[in-house]
Amino acid sequence: MAKWTPKHEAPEPLEGPVVATITGGTILWFVLFLAQLPFYGWYDDHGHLWWVWTCLAGAGLGLIGIWYVRGRDAALKRAAAAATAADPQAD
């Protein structure tokens, strides 16, 4: 079996409002957790308690994600500023 090789260059990654997207998702997970809390007993009786804890885990991991993407965004801005400072003729 021959090894597969790409026939074209990979596209550049899409950049967008990453921090806002992760923050929005984290808020959504936390709101879902809060919305399920009044029905904790029902979830427990029907064996779906993991739904509640999944939402809390999503919110917790989202907080880690916010920390990560804010650091990534700051590093990208520092690198762009350093590149501009090193070569003032480049746009």
C-alpha atoms as a PDB file:
ATOM      1  CA  MET A   1       0.000   0.000   0.000  1.00  0.00           C
ATOM      2  CA  ALA A   2       1.462   3.352  -1.067  1.00  0.00           C
ATOM      3  CA  LYS A   3       1.745   6.258   1.284  1.00  0.00           C
ATOM      4  CA  TRP A   4      -0.749   9.031   0.605  1.00  0.00           C
ATOM      5  CA  THR A   5       0.744  12.408  -0.192  1.00  0.00           C
ATOM      6  CA  PRO A   6      -1.231  15.617  -0.575  1.00  0.00           C
ATOM      7  CA  LYS A   7      -1.486  17.069  -4.058  1.00  0.00           C
ATOM      8  CA  HIS A   8      -1.852  20.692  -2.925  1.00  0.00           C
ATOM      9  CA  GLU A   9      -0.809  22.970  -0.104  1.00  0.00           C
ATOM     10  CA  ALA A  10      -2.906  23.038   3.030  1.00  0.00           C
ATOM     11  CA  PRO A  11      -4.929  26.230   3.428  1.00  0.00           C
ATOM     12  CA  GLU A  12      -4.038  28.781   6.078  1.00  0.00           C
ATOM     13  CA  PRO A  13      -5.953  28.289   9.320  1.00  0.00           C
ATOM     14  CA  LEU A  14      -9.001  30.477   9.742  1.00  0.00           C
ATOM     15  CA  GLU A  15      -8.566  33.220  12.305  1.00  0.00           C
ATOM     16  CA  GLY A  16     -11.594  34.736  13.914  1.00  0.00           C
ATOM     17  CA  PRO A  17     -12.869  35.931  17.263  1.00  0.00           C
ATOM     18  CA  VAL A  18     -11.484  32.889  19.083  1.00  0.00           C
ATOM     19  CA  VAL A  19     -11.613  34.380  22.580  1.00  0.00           C
ATOM     20  CA  ALA A  20     -15.233  35.456  22.112  1.00  0.00           C
ATOM     21  CA  THR A  21     -16.190  32.051  20.723  1.00  0.00           C
ATOM     22  CA  ILE A  22     -14.646  30.141  23.636  1.00  0.00           C
ATOM     23  CA  THR A  23     -16.140  32.580  26.156  1.00  0.00           C
ATOM     24  CA  GLY A  24     -19.585  32.179  24.597  1.00  0.00           C
ATOM     25  CA  GLY A  25     -19.334  28.412  24.684  1.00  0.00           C
ATOM     26  CA  THR A  26     -18.220  28.455  28.305  1.00  0.00           C
ATOM     27  CA  ILE A  27     -21.146  30.663  29.271  1.00  0.00           C
ATOM     28  CA  LEU A  28     -23.512  28.350  27.399  1.00  0.00           C
ATOM     29  CA  TRP A  29     -22.222  25.270  29.261  1.00  0.00           C
ATOM     30  CA  PHE A  30     -22.584  27.057  32.612  1.00  0.00           C
ATOM     31  CA  VAL A  31     -26.125  28.241  31.790  1.00  0.00           C
ATOM     32  CA  LEU A  32     -27.068  24.677  30.840  1.00  0.00           C
ATOM     33  CA  PHE A  33     -25.647  23.464  34.162  1.00  0.00           C
ATOM     34  CA  LEU A  34     -27.692  26.051  36.088  1.00  0.00           C
ATOM     35  CA  ALA A  35     -30.840  25.229  34.086  1.00  0.00           C
ATOM     36  CA  GLN A  36     -30.548  21.546  35.003  1.00  0.00           C
ATOM     37  CA  LEU A  37     -29.966  22.057  38.731  1.00  0.00           C
ATOM     38  CA  PRO A  38     -33.675  22.399  39.637  1.00  0.00           C
ATOM     39  CA  PHE A  39     -34.262  18.994  38.016  1.00  0.00           C
ATOM     40  CA  TYR A  40     -31.377  17.273  39.808  1.00  0.00           C
ATOM     41  CA  GLY A  41     -33.696  14.710  41.429  1.00  0.00           C
ATOM     42  CA  TRP A  42     -35.347  13.802  38.152  1.00  0.00           C
ATOM     43  CA  TYR A  43     -31.978  13.295  36.463  1.00  0.00           C
ATOM     44  CA  ASP A  44     -30.845  11.165  39.402  1.00  0.00           C
ATOM     45  CA  ASP A  45     -34.023   9.026  39.346  1.00  0.00           C
ATOM     46  CA  HIS A  46     -33.749   8.371  35.612  1.00  0.00           C
ATOM     47  CA  GLY A  47     -30.009   7.687  35.483  1.00  0.00           C
ATOM     48  CA  HIS A  48     -29.147  10.869  33.599  1.00  0.00           C
ATOM     49  CA  LEU A  49     -27.180  12.610  36.327  1.00  0.00           C
ATOM     50  CA  TRP A  50     -24.125  12.606  34.105  1.00  0.00           C
ATOM     51  CA  TRP A  51     -25.830  15.286  31.960  1.00  0.00           C
ATOM     52  CA  VAL A  52     -25.595  17.765  34.840  1.00  0.00           C
ATOM     53  CA  TRP A  53     -21.944  16.993  35.511  1.00  0.00           C
ATOM     54  CA  THR A  54     -21.090  17.078  31.814  1.00  0.00           C
ATOM     55  CA  CYS A  55     -22.322  20.680  31.642  1.00  0.00           C
ATOM     56  CA  LEU A  56     -20.277  21.606  34.711  1.00  0.00           C
ATOM     57  CA  ALA A  57     -17.202  19.918  33.213  1.00  0.00           C
ATOM     58  CA  GLY A  58     -17.771  21.817  29.949  1.00  0.00           C
ATOM     59  CA  ALA A  59     -17.870  25.101  31.864  1.00  0.00           C
ATOM     60  CA  GLY A  60     -14.718  24.204  33.815  1.00  0.00           C
ATOM     61  CA  LEU A  61     -12.811  23.157  30.713  1.00  0.00           C
ATOM     62  CA  GLY A  62     -14.066  26.295  29.002  1.00  0.00           C
ATOM     63  CA  LEU A  63     -12.399  28.397  31.711  1.00  0.00           C
ATOM     64  CA  ILE A  64      -9.127  26.644  30.923  1.00  0.00           C
ATOM     65  CA  GLY A  65      -9.808  27.275  27.230  1.00  0.00           C
ATOM     66  CA  ILE A  66     -10.372  30.992  27.828  1.00  0.00           C
ATOM     67  CA  TRP A  67      -7.064  31.220  29.668  1.00  0.00           C
ATOM     68  CA  TYR A  68      -5.316  29.352  26.846  1.00  0.00           C
ATOM     69  CA  VAL A  69      -6.738  31.333  23.913  1.00  0.00           C
ATOM     70  CA  ARG A  70      -6.168  34.687  25.633  1.00  0.00           C
ATOM     71  CA  GLY A  71      -2.503  33.749  26.038  1.00  0.00           C
ATOM     72  CA  ARG A  72      -2.345  32.562  22.426  1.00  0.00           C
ATOM     73  CA  ASP A  73      -3.937  35.771  21.180  1.00  0.00           C
ATOM     74  CA  ALA A  74      -1.482  37.879  23.202  1.00  0.00           C
ATOM     75  CA  ALA A  75       1.465  35.864  21.856  1.00  0.00           C
ATOM     76  CA  LEU A  76       0.275  36.329  18.258  1.00  0.00           C
ATOM     77  CA  LYS A  77      -0.039  40.076  18.794  1.00  0.00           C
ATOM     78  CA  ARG A  78       3.450  40.241  20.346  1.00  0.00           C
ATOM     79  CA  ALA A  79       4.910  38.301  17.416  1.00  0.00           C
ATOM     80  CA  ALA A  80       3.186  40.579  14.904  1.00  0.00           C
ATOM     81  CA  ALA A  81       4.445  43.673  16.738  1.00  0.00           C
ATOM     82  CA  ALA A  82       7.977  42.267  16.847  1.00  0.00           C
ATOM     83  CA  ALA A  83       7.869  41.448  13.137  1.00  0.00           C
ATOM     84  CA  THR A  84       6.651  44.968  12.346  1.00  0.00           C
ATOM     85  CA  ALA A  85       9.348  46.521  14.529  1.00  0.00           C
ATOM     86  CA  ALA A  86      12.055  44.400  12.901  1.00  0.00           C
ATOM     87  CA  ASP A  87      10.946  45.263   9.337  1.00  0.00           C
ATOM     88  CA  PRO A  88       9.210  48.670   9.213  1.00  0.00           C
ATOM     89  CA  GLN A  89       8.923  48.489   5.395  1.00  0.00           C
ATOM     90  CA  ALA A  90       6.619  45.435   5.498  1.00  0.00           C
ATOM     91  CA  ASP A  91       2.839  45.930   5.519  1.00  0.00           C
END
